[in-house]
């Protein structure tokens, strides 16, 4: 879904790495912590896309507007929990941390 945004994938990986590290130190609810981290970062992506949209609109840049709208839609879709909440591989990864 985010293949065209490698920098966003890296930023998601960063929050997952921090979540995994927190879970190693205090393994209370690692999967829930990871979900919360992802939601927060994806929320940041949505705000950034909206800022890009506002800037493109202010500049009267039709291509920039179209790109920003598409990016916003993509980030909103990515944030929908139904896209990844049941991801078995992610859940398994955090289950392994608990052992």
PDB file of N, CA and C in Angstrom:
ATOM      1  N   UNK A   1       0.814  -1.191   0.000  1.00  0.00           N
ATOM      2  CA  UNK A   1       0.000   0.000   0.000  1.00  0.00           C
ATOM      3  C   UNK A   1       0.865   1.266   0.000  1.00  0.00           C
ATOM      4  N   UNK A   2       1.946   1.261   0.750  1.00  0.00           N
ATOM      5  CA  UNK A   2       2.804   2.447   0.847  1.00  0.00           C
ATOM      6  C   UNK A   2       4.097   2.292   0.051  1.00  0.00           C
ATOM      7  N   UNK A   3       4.102   1.403  -0.919  1.00  0.00           N
ATOM      8  CA  UNK A   3       5.330   1.120  -1.666  1.00  0.00           C
ATOM      9  C   UNK A   3       5.911   2.354  -2.338  1.00  0.00           C
ATOM     10  N   UNK A   4       5.082   3.316  -2.688  1.00  0.00           N
ATOM     11  CA  UNK A   4       5.564   4.545  -3.323  1.00  0.00           C
ATOM     12  C   UNK A   4       6.049   5.578  -2.313  1.00  0.00           C
ATOM     13  N   UNK A   5       6.009   5.232  -1.041  1.00  0.00           N
ATOM     14  CA  UNK A   5       6.417   6.145   0.030  1.00  0.00           C
ATOM     15  C   UNK A   5       7.423   5.454   0.952  1.00  0.00           C
ATOM     16  N   UNK A   6       8.614   5.145   0.444  1.00  0.00           N
ATOM     17  CA  UNK A   6       9.588   4.414   1.271  1.00  0.00           C
ATOM     18  C   UNK A   6       9.968   5.154   2.550  1.00  0.00           C
ATOM     19  N   UNK A   7       9.968   6.485   2.508  1.00  0.00           N
ATOM     20  CA  UNK A   7      10.301   7.233   3.724  1.00  0.00           C
ATOM     21  C   UNK A   7       9.222   7.051   4.792  1.00  0.00           C
ATOM     22  N   UNK A   8       7.988   6.881   4.375  1.00  0.00           N
ATOM     23  CA  UNK A   8       6.910   6.625   5.333  1.00  0.00           C
ATOM     24  C   UNK A   8       7.043   5.223   5.927  1.00  0.00           C
ATOM     25  N   UNK A   9       7.428   4.281   5.085  1.00  0.00           N
ATOM     26  CA  UNK A   9       7.644   2.919   5.580  1.00  0.00           C
ATOM     27  C   UNK A   9       8.755   2.916   6.624  1.00  0.00           C
ATOM     28  N   UNK A  10       9.822   3.659   6.359  1.00  0.00           N
ATOM     29  CA  UNK A  10      10.913   3.757   7.334  1.00  0.00           C
ATOM     30  C   UNK A  10      10.424   4.361   8.646  1.00  0.00           C
ATOM     31  N   UNK A  11       9.604   5.382   8.556  1.00  0.00           N
ATOM     32  CA  UNK A  11       9.094   6.028   9.769  1.00  0.00           C
ATOM     33  C   UNK A  11       8.165   5.093  10.546  1.00  0.00           C
ATOM     34  N   UNK A  12       7.395   4.281   9.837  1.00  0.00           N
ATOM     35  CA  UNK A  12       6.567   3.277  10.517  1.00  0.00           C
ATOM     36  C   UNK A  12       7.449   2.234  11.189  1.00  0.00           C
ATOM     37  N   UNK A  13       8.507   1.830  10.503  1.00  0.00           N
ATOM     38  CA  UNK A  13       9.429   0.858  11.081  1.00  0.00           C
ATOM     39  C   UNK A  13      10.062   1.407  12.353  1.00  0.00           C
ATOM     40  N   UNK A  14      10.388   2.701  12.349  1.00  0.00           N
ATOM     41  CA  UNK A  14      10.973   3.324  13.541  1.00  0.00           C
ATOM     42  C   UNK A  14      10.048   3.207  14.745  1.00  0.00           C
ATOM     43  N   UNK A  15       8.751   3.501  14.552  1.00  0.00           N
ATOM     44  CA  UNK A  15       7.843   3.424  15.705  1.00  0.00           C
ATOM     45  C   UNK A  15       7.618   1.983  16.132  1.00  0.00           C
ATOM     46  N   UNK A  16       7.637   1.054  15.178  1.00  0.00           N
ATOM     47  CA  UNK A  16       7.514  -0.359  15.549  1.00  0.00           C
ATOM     48  C   UNK A  16       8.747  -0.832  16.303  1.00  0.00           C
ATOM     49  N   UNK A  17       9.917  -0.375  15.885  1.00  0.00           N
ATOM     50  CA  UNK A  17      11.141  -0.738  16.605  1.00  0.00           C
ATOM     51  C   UNK A  17      11.106  -0.207  18.034  1.00  0.00           C
ATOM     52  N   UNK A  18      10.657   1.040  18.199  1.00  0.00           N
ATOM     53  CA  UNK A  18      10.549   1.603  19.557  1.00  0.00           C
ATOM     54  C   UNK A  18       9.527   0.831  20.381  1.00  0.00           C
ATOM     55  N   UNK A  19       8.428   0.462  19.744  1.00  0.00           N
ATOM     56  CA  UNK A  19       7.404  -0.313  20.444  1.00  0.00           C
ATOM     57  C   UNK A  19       7.955  -1.670  20.871  1.00  0.00           C
ATOM     58  N   UNK A  20       8.700  -2.311  19.980  1.00  0.00           N
ATOM     59  CA  UNK A  20       9.295  -3.615  20.316  1.00  0.00           C
ATOM     60  C   UNK A  20      10.278  -3.475  21.466  1.00  0.00           C
ATOM     61  N   UNK A  21      11.062  -2.408  21.454  1.00  0.00           N
ATOM     62  CA  UNK A  21      12.027  -2.180  22.539  1.00  0.00           C
ATOM     63  C   UNK A  21      11.297  -1.949  23.868  1.00  0.00           C
ATOM     64  N   UNK A  22      10.239  -1.150  23.837  1.00  0.00           N
ATOM     65  CA  UNK A  22       9.447  -0.934  25.064  1.00  0.00           C
ATOM     66  C   UNK A  22       8.881  -2.256  25.567  1.00  0.00           C
ATOM     67  N   UNK A  23       8.454  -3.103  24.641  1.00  0.00           N
ATOM     68  CA  UNK A  23       7.864  -4.387  25.023  1.00  0.00           C
ATOM     69  C   UNK A  23       8.892  -5.323  25.631  1.00  0.00           C
ATOM     70  N   UNK A  24      10.130  -5.216  25.204  1.00  0.00           N
ATOM     71  CA  UNK A  24      11.186  -6.035  25.809  1.00  0.00           C
ATOM     72  C   UNK A  24      11.446  -5.591  27.243  1.00  0.00           C
ATOM     73  N   UNK A  25      11.342  -4.293  27.481  1.00  0.00           N
ATOM     74  CA  UNK A  25      11.598  -3.747  28.811  1.00  0.00           C
ATOM     75  C   UNK A  25      10.410  -3.953  29.746  1.00  0.00           C
ATOM     76  N   UNK A  26       9.213  -3.837  29.205  1.00  0.00           N
ATOM     77  CA  UNK A  26       8.002  -3.970  30.004  1.00  0.00           C
ATOM     78  C   UNK A  26       6.916  -4.605  29.136  1.00  0.00           C
ATOM     79  N   UNK A  27       6.860  -5.929  29.095  1.00  0.00           N
ATOM     80  CA  UNK A  27       5.969  -6.624  28.167  1.00  0.00           C
ATOM     81  C   UNK A  27       4.514  -6.706  28.630  1.00  0.00           C
ATOM     82  N   UNK A  28       3.891  -5.574  28.854  1.00  0.00           N
ATOM     83  CA  UNK A  28       2.508  -5.596  29.321  1.00  0.00           C
ATOM     84  C   UNK A  28       1.534  -5.929  28.193  1.00  0.00           C
ATOM     85  N   UNK A  29       1.495  -5.103  27.175  1.00  0.00           N
ATOM     86  CA  UNK A  29       0.563  -5.307  26.065  1.00  0.00           C
ATOM     87  C   UNK A  29       1.266  -4.916  24.764  1.00  0.00           C
ATOM     88  N   UNK A  30       2.210  -5.718  24.301  1.00  0.00           N
ATOM     89  CA  UNK A  30       3.036  -5.312  23.163  1.00  0.00           C
ATOM     90  C   UNK A  30       2.261  -5.085  21.870  1.00  0.00           C
ATOM     91  N   UNK A  31       1.282  -5.925  21.593  1.00  0.00           N
ATOM     92  CA  UNK A  31       0.527  -5.770  20.352  1.00  0.00           C
ATOM     93  C   UNK A  31      -0.276  -4.479  20.385  1.00  0.00           C
ATOM     94  N   UNK A  32      -0.920  -4.200  21.505  1.00  0.00           N
ATOM     95  CA  UNK A  32      -1.697  -2.966  21.639  1.00  0.00           C
ATOM     96  C   UNK A  32      -0.801  -1.738  21.534  1.00  0.00           C
ATOM     97  N   UNK A  33       0.386  -1.826  22.106  1.00  0.00           N
ATOM     98  CA  UNK A  33       1.326  -0.715  22.019  1.00  0.00           C
ATOM     99  C   UNK A  33       1.739  -0.484  20.569  1.00  0.00           C
ATOM    100  N   UNK A  34       1.990  -1.550  19.835  1.00  0.00           N
ATOM    101  CA  UNK A  34       2.374  -1.426  18.426  1.00  0.00           C
ATOM    102  C   UNK A  34       1.249  -0.802  17.609  1.00  0.00           C
ATOM    103  N   UNK A  35       0.031  -1.222  17.861  1.00  0.00           N
ATOM    104  CA  UNK A  35      -1.118  -0.656  17.151  1.00  0.00           C
ATOM    105  C   UNK A  35      -1.238   0.832  17.446  1.00  0.00           C
ATOM    106  N   UNK A  36      -1.105   1.193  18.703  1.00  0.00           N
ATOM    107  CA  UNK A  36      -1.172   2.603  19.082  1.00  0.00           C
ATOM    108  C   UNK A  36      -0.068   3.409  18.399  1.00  0.00           C
ATOM    109  N   UNK A  37       1.128   2.853  18.339  1.00  0.00           N
ATOM    110  CA  UNK A  37       2.250   3.536  17.686  1.00  0.00           C
ATOM    111  C   UNK A  37       1.974   3.730  16.201  1.00  0.00           C
ATOM    112  N   UNK A  38       1.460   2.701  15.553  1.00  0.00           N
ATOM    113  CA  UNK A  38       1.138   2.805  14.130  1.00  0.00           C
ATOM    114  C   UNK A  38       0.043   3.833  13.885  1.00  0.00           C
ATOM    115  N   UNK A  39      -0.995   3.796  14.711  1.00  0.00           N
ATOM    116  CA  UNK A  39      -2.081   4.769  14.561  1.00  0.00           C
ATOM    117  C   UNK A  39      -1.565   6.195  14.688  1.00  0.00           C
ATOM    118  N   UNK A  40      -0.711   6.409  15.668  1.00  0.00           N
ATOM    119  CA  UNK A  40      -0.161   7.744  15.871  1.00  0.00           C
ATOM    120  C   UNK A  40       0.661   8.212  14.689  1.00  0.00           C
ATOM    121  N   UNK A  41       1.519   7.334  14.193  1.00  0.00           N
ATOM    122  CA  UNK A  41       2.373   7.726  13.064  1.00  0.00           C
ATOM    123  C   UNK A  41       1.540   7.935  11.800  1.00  0.00           C
ATOM    124  N   UNK A  42       0.564   7.071  11.575  1.00  0.00           N
ATOM    125  CA  UNK A  42      -0.299   7.243  10.408  1.00  0.00           C
ATOM    126  C   UNK A  42      -1.127   8.520  10.522  1.00  0.00           C
ATOM    127  N   UNK A  43      -1.516   8.873  11.734  1.00  0.00           N
ATOM    128  CA  UNK A  43      -2.199  10.145  11.948  1.00  0.00           C
ATOM    129  C   UNK A  43      -1.310  11.319  11.577  1.00  0.00           C
ATOM    130  N   UNK A  44      -0.028  11.204  11.894  1.00  0.00           N
ATOM    131  CA  UNK A  44       0.937  12.234  11.503  1.00  0.00           C
ATOM    132  C   UNK A  44       1.014  12.333   9.987  1.00  0.00           C
ATOM    133  N   UNK A  45       1.028  11.198   9.309  1.00  0.00           N
ATOM    134  CA  UNK A  45       1.078  11.201   7.845  1.00  0.00           C
ATOM    135  C   UNK A  45      -0.145  11.907   7.257  1.00  0.00           C
ATOM    136  N   UNK A  46      -1.303  11.688   7.860  1.00  0.00           N
ATOM    137  CA  UNK A  46      -2.530  12.332   7.385  1.00  0.00           C
ATOM    138  C   UNK A  46      -2.418  13.843   7.549  1.00  0.00           C
ATOM    139  N   UNK A  47      -1.945  14.291   8.701  1.00  0.00           N
ATOM    140  CA  UNK A  47      -1.781  15.736   8.920  1.00  0.00           C
ATOM    141  C   UNK A  47      -0.783  16.329   7.931  1.00  0.00           C
ATOM    142  N   UNK A  48       0.292  15.612   7.664  1.00  0.00           N
ATOM    143  CA  UNK A  48       1.279  16.094   6.698  1.00  0.00           C
ATOM    144  C   UNK A  48       0.676  16.202   5.300  1.00  0.00           C
ATOM    145  N   UNK A  49      -0.112  15.212   4.908  1.00  0.00           N
ATOM    146  CA  UNK A  49      -0.758  15.248   3.592  1.00  0.00           C
ATOM    147  C   UNK A  49      -1.726  16.422   3.507  1.00  0.00           C
ATOM    148  N   UNK A  50      -2.427  16.693   4.583  1.00  0.00           N
ATOM    149  CA  UNK A  50      -3.355  17.833   4.592  1.00  0.00           C
ATOM    150  C   UNK A  50      -2.607  19.158   4.513  1.00  0.00           C
ATOM    151  N   UNK A  51      -1.452  19.226   5.129  1.00  0.00           N
ATOM    152  CA  UNK A  51      -0.619  20.433   5.020  1.00  0.00           C
ATOM    153  C   UNK A  51      -0.129  20.613   3.587  1.00  0.00           C
ATOM    154  N   UNK A  52       0.266  19.510   2.962  1.00  0.00           N
ATOM    155  CA  UNK A  52       0.693  19.568   1.562  1.00  0.00           C
ATOM    156  C   UNK A  52      -0.458  20.028   0.673  1.00  0.00           C
ATOM    157  N   UNK A  53      -1.657  19.549   0.966  1.00  0.00           N
ATOM    158  CA  UNK A  53      -2.836  19.950   0.206  1.00  0.00           C
ATOM    159  C   UNK A  53      -3.092  21.445   0.365  1.00  0.00           C
ATOM    160  N   UNK A  54      -3.036  21.933   1.586  1.00  0.00           N
ATOM    161  CA  UNK A  54      -3.264  23.362   1.831  1.00  0.00           C
ATOM    162  C   UNK A  54      -2.224  24.211   1.101  1.00  0.00           C
ATOM    163  N   UNK A  55      -0.983  23.776   1.117  1.00  0.00           N
ATOM    164  CA  UNK A  55       0.080  24.518   0.428  1.00  0.00           C
ATOM    165  C   UNK A  55      -0.144  24.513  -1.082  1.00  0.00           C
ATOM    166  N   UNK A  56      -0.544  23.368  -1.623  1.00  0.00           N
ATOM    167  CA  UNK A  56      -0.798  23.278  -3.063  1.00  0.00           C
ATOM    168  C   UNK A  56      -1.992  24.139  -3.456  1.00  0.00           C
ATOM    169  N   UNK A  57      -3.022  24.149  -2.610  1.00  0.00           N
ATOM    170  CA  UNK A  57      -4.191  24.990  -2.883  1.00  0.00           C
ATOM    171  C   UNK A  57      -3.821  26.465  -2.830  1.00  0.00           C
ATOM    172  N   UNK A  58      -3.033  26.842  -1.839  1.00  0.00           N
ATOM    173  CA  UNK A  58      -2.610  28.242  -1.705  1.00  0.00           C
ATOM    174  C   UNK A  58      -1.764  28.677  -2.899  1.00  0.00           C
ATOM    175  N   UNK A  59      -0.988  27.752  -3.445  1.00  0.00           N
ATOM    176  CA  UNK A  59      -0.133  28.064  -4.591  1.00  0.00           C
ATOM    177  C   UNK A  59      -0.886  27.957  -5.916  1.00  0.00           C
ATOM    178  N   UNK A  60      -2.108  27.430  -5.857  1.00  0.00           N
ATOM    179  CA  UNK A  60      -2.878  27.244  -7.085  1.00  0.00           C
ATOM    180  C   UNK A  60      -2.252  26.208  -8.008  1.00  0.00           C
ATOM    181  N   UNK A  61      -1.689  25.168  -7.409  1.00  0.00           N
ATOM    182  CA  UNK A  61      -0.982  24.127  -8.153  1.00  0.00           C
ATOM    183  C   UNK A  61      -1.901  22.915  -8.344  1.00  0.00           C
ATOM    184  N   UNK A  62      -2.554  22.790  -9.512  1.00  0.00           N
ATOM    185  CA  UNK A  62      -3.502  21.687  -9.710  1.00  0.00           C
ATOM    186  C   UNK A  62      -2.870  20.300  -9.563  1.00  0.00           C
ATOM    187  N   UNK A  63      -1.661  20.119 -10.080  1.00  0.00           N
ATOM    188  CA  UNK A  63      -1.009  18.809  -9.955  1.00  0.00           C
ATOM    189  C   UNK A  63      -0.653  18.523  -8.503  1.00  0.00           C
ATOM    190  N   UNK A  64      -0.181  19.539  -7.794  1.00  0.00           N
ATOM    191  CA  UNK A  64       0.124  19.383  -6.376  1.00  0.00           C
ATOM    192  C   UNK A  64      -1.120  19.056  -5.568  1.00  0.00           C
ATOM    193  N   UNK A  65      -2.235  19.690  -5.933  1.00  0.00           N
ATOM    194  CA  UNK A  65      -3.512  19.416  -5.256  1.00  0.00           C
ATOM    195  C   UNK A  65      -3.915  17.962  -5.479  1.00  0.00           C
ATOM    196  N   UNK A  66      -3.840  17.525  -6.729  1.00  0.00           N
ATOM    197  CA  UNK A  66      -4.214  16.139  -7.049  1.00  0.00           C
ATOM    198  C   UNK A  66      -3.317  15.150  -6.312  1.00  0.00           C
ATOM    199  N   UNK A  67      -2.017  15.419  -6.295  1.00  0.00           N
ATOM    200  CA  UNK A  67      -1.082  14.525  -5.603  1.00  0.00           C
ATOM    201  C   UNK A  67      -1.354  14.487  -4.104  1.00  0.00           C
ATOM    202  N   UNK A  68      -1.599  15.656  -3.520  1.00  0.00           N
ATOM    203  CA  UNK A  68      -1.847  15.722  -2.078  1.00  0.00           C
ATOM    204  C   UNK A  68      -3.160  15.038  -1.708  1.00  0.00           C
ATOM    205  N   UNK A  69      -4.180  15.208  -2.540  1.00  0.00           N
ATOM    206  CA  UNK A  69      -5.456  14.532  -2.279  1.00  0.00           C
ATOM    207  C   UNK A  69      -5.287  13.018  -2.325  1.00  0.00           C
ATOM    208  N   UNK A  70      -4.554  12.545  -3.315  1.00  0.00           N
ATOM    209  CA  UNK A  70      -4.313  11.103  -3.424  1.00  0.00           C
ATOM    210  C   UNK A  70      -3.521  10.590  -2.227  1.00  0.00           C
ATOM    211  N   UNK A  71      -2.526  11.355  -1.816  1.00  0.00           N
ATOM    212  CA  UNK A  71      -1.723  10.962  -0.659  1.00  0.00           C
ATOM    213  C   UNK A  71      -2.583  10.932   0.603  1.00  0.00           C
ATOM    214  N   UNK A  72      -3.437  11.934   0.766  1.00  0.00           N
ATOM    215  CA  UNK A  72      -4.319  11.960   1.937  1.00  0.00           C
ATOM    216  C   UNK A  72      -5.239  10.739   1.940  1.00  0.00           C
ATOM    217  N   UNK A  73      -5.834  10.429   0.800  1.00  0.00           N
ATOM    218  CA  UNK A  73      -6.720   9.257   0.711  1.00  0.00           C
ATOM    219  C   UNK A  73      -5.971   7.970   1.065  1.00  0.00           C
ATOM    220  N   UNK A  74      -4.763   7.854   0.541  1.00  0.00           N
ATOM    221  CA  UNK A  74      -3.961   6.666   0.816  1.00  0.00           C
ATOM    222  C   UNK A  74      -3.654   6.542   2.304  1.00  0.00           C
ATOM    223  N   UNK A  75      -3.272   7.650   2.929  1.00  0.00           N
ATOM    224  CA  UNK A  75      -2.931   7.614   4.352  1.00  0.00           C
ATOM    225  C   UNK A  75      -4.167   7.329   5.203  1.00  0.00           C
ATOM    226  N   UNK A  76      -5.309   7.876   4.810  1.00  0.00           N
ATOM    227  CA  UNK A  76      -6.552   7.573   5.532  1.00  0.00           C
ATOM    228  C   UNK A  76      -6.885   6.090   5.410  1.00  0.00           C
ATOM    229  N   UNK A  77      -6.713   5.554   4.214  1.00  0.00           N
ATOM    230  CA  UNK A  77      -6.992   4.130   4.004  1.00  0.00           C
ATOM    231  C   UNK A  77      -6.018   3.270   4.809  1.00  0.00           C
ATOM    232  N   UNK A  78      -4.758   3.674   4.844  1.00  0.00           N
ATOM    233  CA  UNK A  78      -3.758   2.912   5.602  1.00  0.00           C
ATOM    234  C   UNK A  78      -4.083   2.912   7.088  1.00  0.00           C
ATOM    235  N   UNK A  79      -4.659   3.998   7.563  1.00  0.00           N
ATOM    236  CA  UNK A  79      -4.950   4.102   8.996  1.00  0.00           C
ATOM    237  C   UNK A  79      -6.156   3.266   9.415  1.00  0.00           C
ATOM    238  N   UNK A  80      -6.976   2.884   8.466  1.00  0.00           N
ATOM    239  CA  UNK A  80      -8.121   2.039   8.810  1.00  0.00           C
ATOM    240  C   UNK A  80      -7.619   0.747   9.431  1.00  0.00           C
ATOM    241  N   UNK A  81      -8.025   0.495  10.636  1.00  0.00           N
ATOM    242  CA  UNK A  81      -7.538  -0.692  11.342  1.00  0.00           C
ATOM    243  C   UNK A  81      -7.869  -1.977  10.610  1.00  0.00           C
ATOM    244  N   UNK A  82      -8.961  -1.979   9.886  1.00  0.00           N
ATOM    245  CA  UNK A  82      -9.332  -3.208   9.190  1.00  0.00           C
ATOM    246  C   UNK A  82      -8.283  -3.620   8.166  1.00  0.00           C
ATOM    247  N   UNK A  83      -7.418  -2.681   7.775  1.00  0.00           N
ATOM    248  CA  UNK A  83      -6.362  -2.998   6.815  1.00  0.00           C
ATOM    249  C   UNK A  83      -5.287  -3.885   7.434  1.00  0.00           C
ATOM    250  N   UNK A  84      -5.008  -3.713   8.725  1.00  0.00           N
ATOM    251  CA  UNK A  84      -3.847  -4.400   9.304  1.00  0.00           C
ATOM    252  C   UNK A  84      -4.061  -4.927  10.710  1.00  0.00           C
ATOM    253  N   UNK A  85      -5.183  -4.658  11.317  1.00  0.00           N
ATOM    254  CA  UNK A  85      -5.389  -5.075  12.707  1.00  0.00           C
ATOM    255  C   UNK A  85      -5.328  -6.597  12.847  1.00  0.00           C
ATOM    256  N   UNK A  86      -5.747  -7.320  11.837  1.00  0.00           N
ATOM    257  CA  UNK A  86      -5.726  -8.774  11.909  1.00  0.00           C
ATOM    258  C   UNK A  86      -4.498  -9.396  11.285  1.00  0.00           C
ATOM    259  N   UNK A  87      -3.476  -8.588  11.092  1.00  0.00           N
ATOM    260  CA  UNK A  87      -2.250  -9.083  10.460  1.00  0.00           C
ATOM    261  C   UNK A  87      -1.601 -10.124  11.367  1.00  0.00           C
ATOM    262  N   UNK A  88      -1.706 -11.359  10.972  1.00  0.00           N
ATOM    263  CA  UNK A  88      -1.220 -12.471  11.791  1.00  0.00           C
ATOM    264  C   UNK A  88       0.290 -12.421  11.992  1.00  0.00           C
ATOM    265  N   UNK A  89       1.032 -12.001  10.972  1.00  0.00           N
ATOM    266  CA  UNK A  89       2.488 -11.966  11.113  1.00  0.00           C
ATOM    267  C   UNK A  89       2.913 -10.910  12.126  1.00  0.00           C
ATOM    268  N   UNK A  90       2.218  -9.780  12.143  1.00  0.00           N
ATOM    269  CA  UNK A  90       2.551  -8.748  13.122  1.00  0.00           C
ATOM    270  C   UNK A  90       2.214  -9.238  14.531  1.00  0.00           C
ATOM    271  N   UNK A  91       1.067  -9.860  14.683  1.00  0.00           N
ATOM    272  CA  UNK A  91       0.669 -10.381  15.986  1.00  0.00           C
ATOM    273  C   UNK A  91       1.667 -11.441  16.461  1.00  0.00           C
ATOM    274  N   UNK A  92       2.072 -12.322  15.559  1.00  0.00           N
ATOM    275  CA  UNK A  92       3.031 -13.376  15.915  1.00  0.00           C
ATOM    276  C   UNK A  92       4.364 -12.792  16.357  1.00  0.00           C
ATOM    277  N   UNK A  93       4.795 -11.745  15.674  1.00  0.00           N
ATOM    278  CA  UNK A  93       6.060 -11.097  16.036  1.00  0.00           C
ATOM    279  C   UNK A  93       6.019 -10.633  17.490  1.00  0.00           C
ATOM    280  N   UNK A  94       4.931 -10.007  17.888  1.00  0.00           N
ATOM    281  CA  UNK A  94       4.840  -9.501  19.254  1.00  0.00           C
ATOM    282  C   UNK A  94       4.582 -10.613  20.260  1.00  0.00           C
ATOM    283  N   UNK A  95       3.974 -11.690  19.839  1.00  0.00           N
ATOM    284  CA  UNK A  95       3.823 -12.843  20.720  1.00  0.00           C
ATOM    285  C   UNK A  95       5.196 -13.428  21.042  1.00  0.00           C
ATOM    286  N   UNK A  96       6.080 -13.463  20.052  1.00  0.00           N
ATOM    287  CA  UNK A  96       7.440 -13.973  20.256  1.00  0.00           C
ATOM    288  C   UNK A  96       8.197 -13.130  21.274  1.00  0.00           C
ATOM    289  N   UNK A  97       7.961 -11.837  21.284  1.00  0.00           N
ATOM    290  CA  UNK A  97       8.640 -10.954  22.234  1.00  0.00           C
ATOM    291  C   UNK A  97       8.279 -11.295  23.675  1.00  0.00           C
ATOM    292  N   UNK A  98       7.078 -11.803  23.865  1.00  0.00           N
ATOM    293  CA  UNK A  98       6.616 -12.106  25.219  1.00  0.00           C
ATOM    294  C   UNK A  98       7.298 -13.344  25.791  1.00  0.00           C
ATOM    295  N   UNK A  99       7.862 -14.160  24.945  1.00  0.00           N
ATOM    296  CA  UNK A  99       8.469 -15.420  25.413  1.00  0.00           C
ATOM    297  C   UNK A  99       9.832 -15.214  25.986  1.00  0.00           C
TER     298      UNK A  99
END
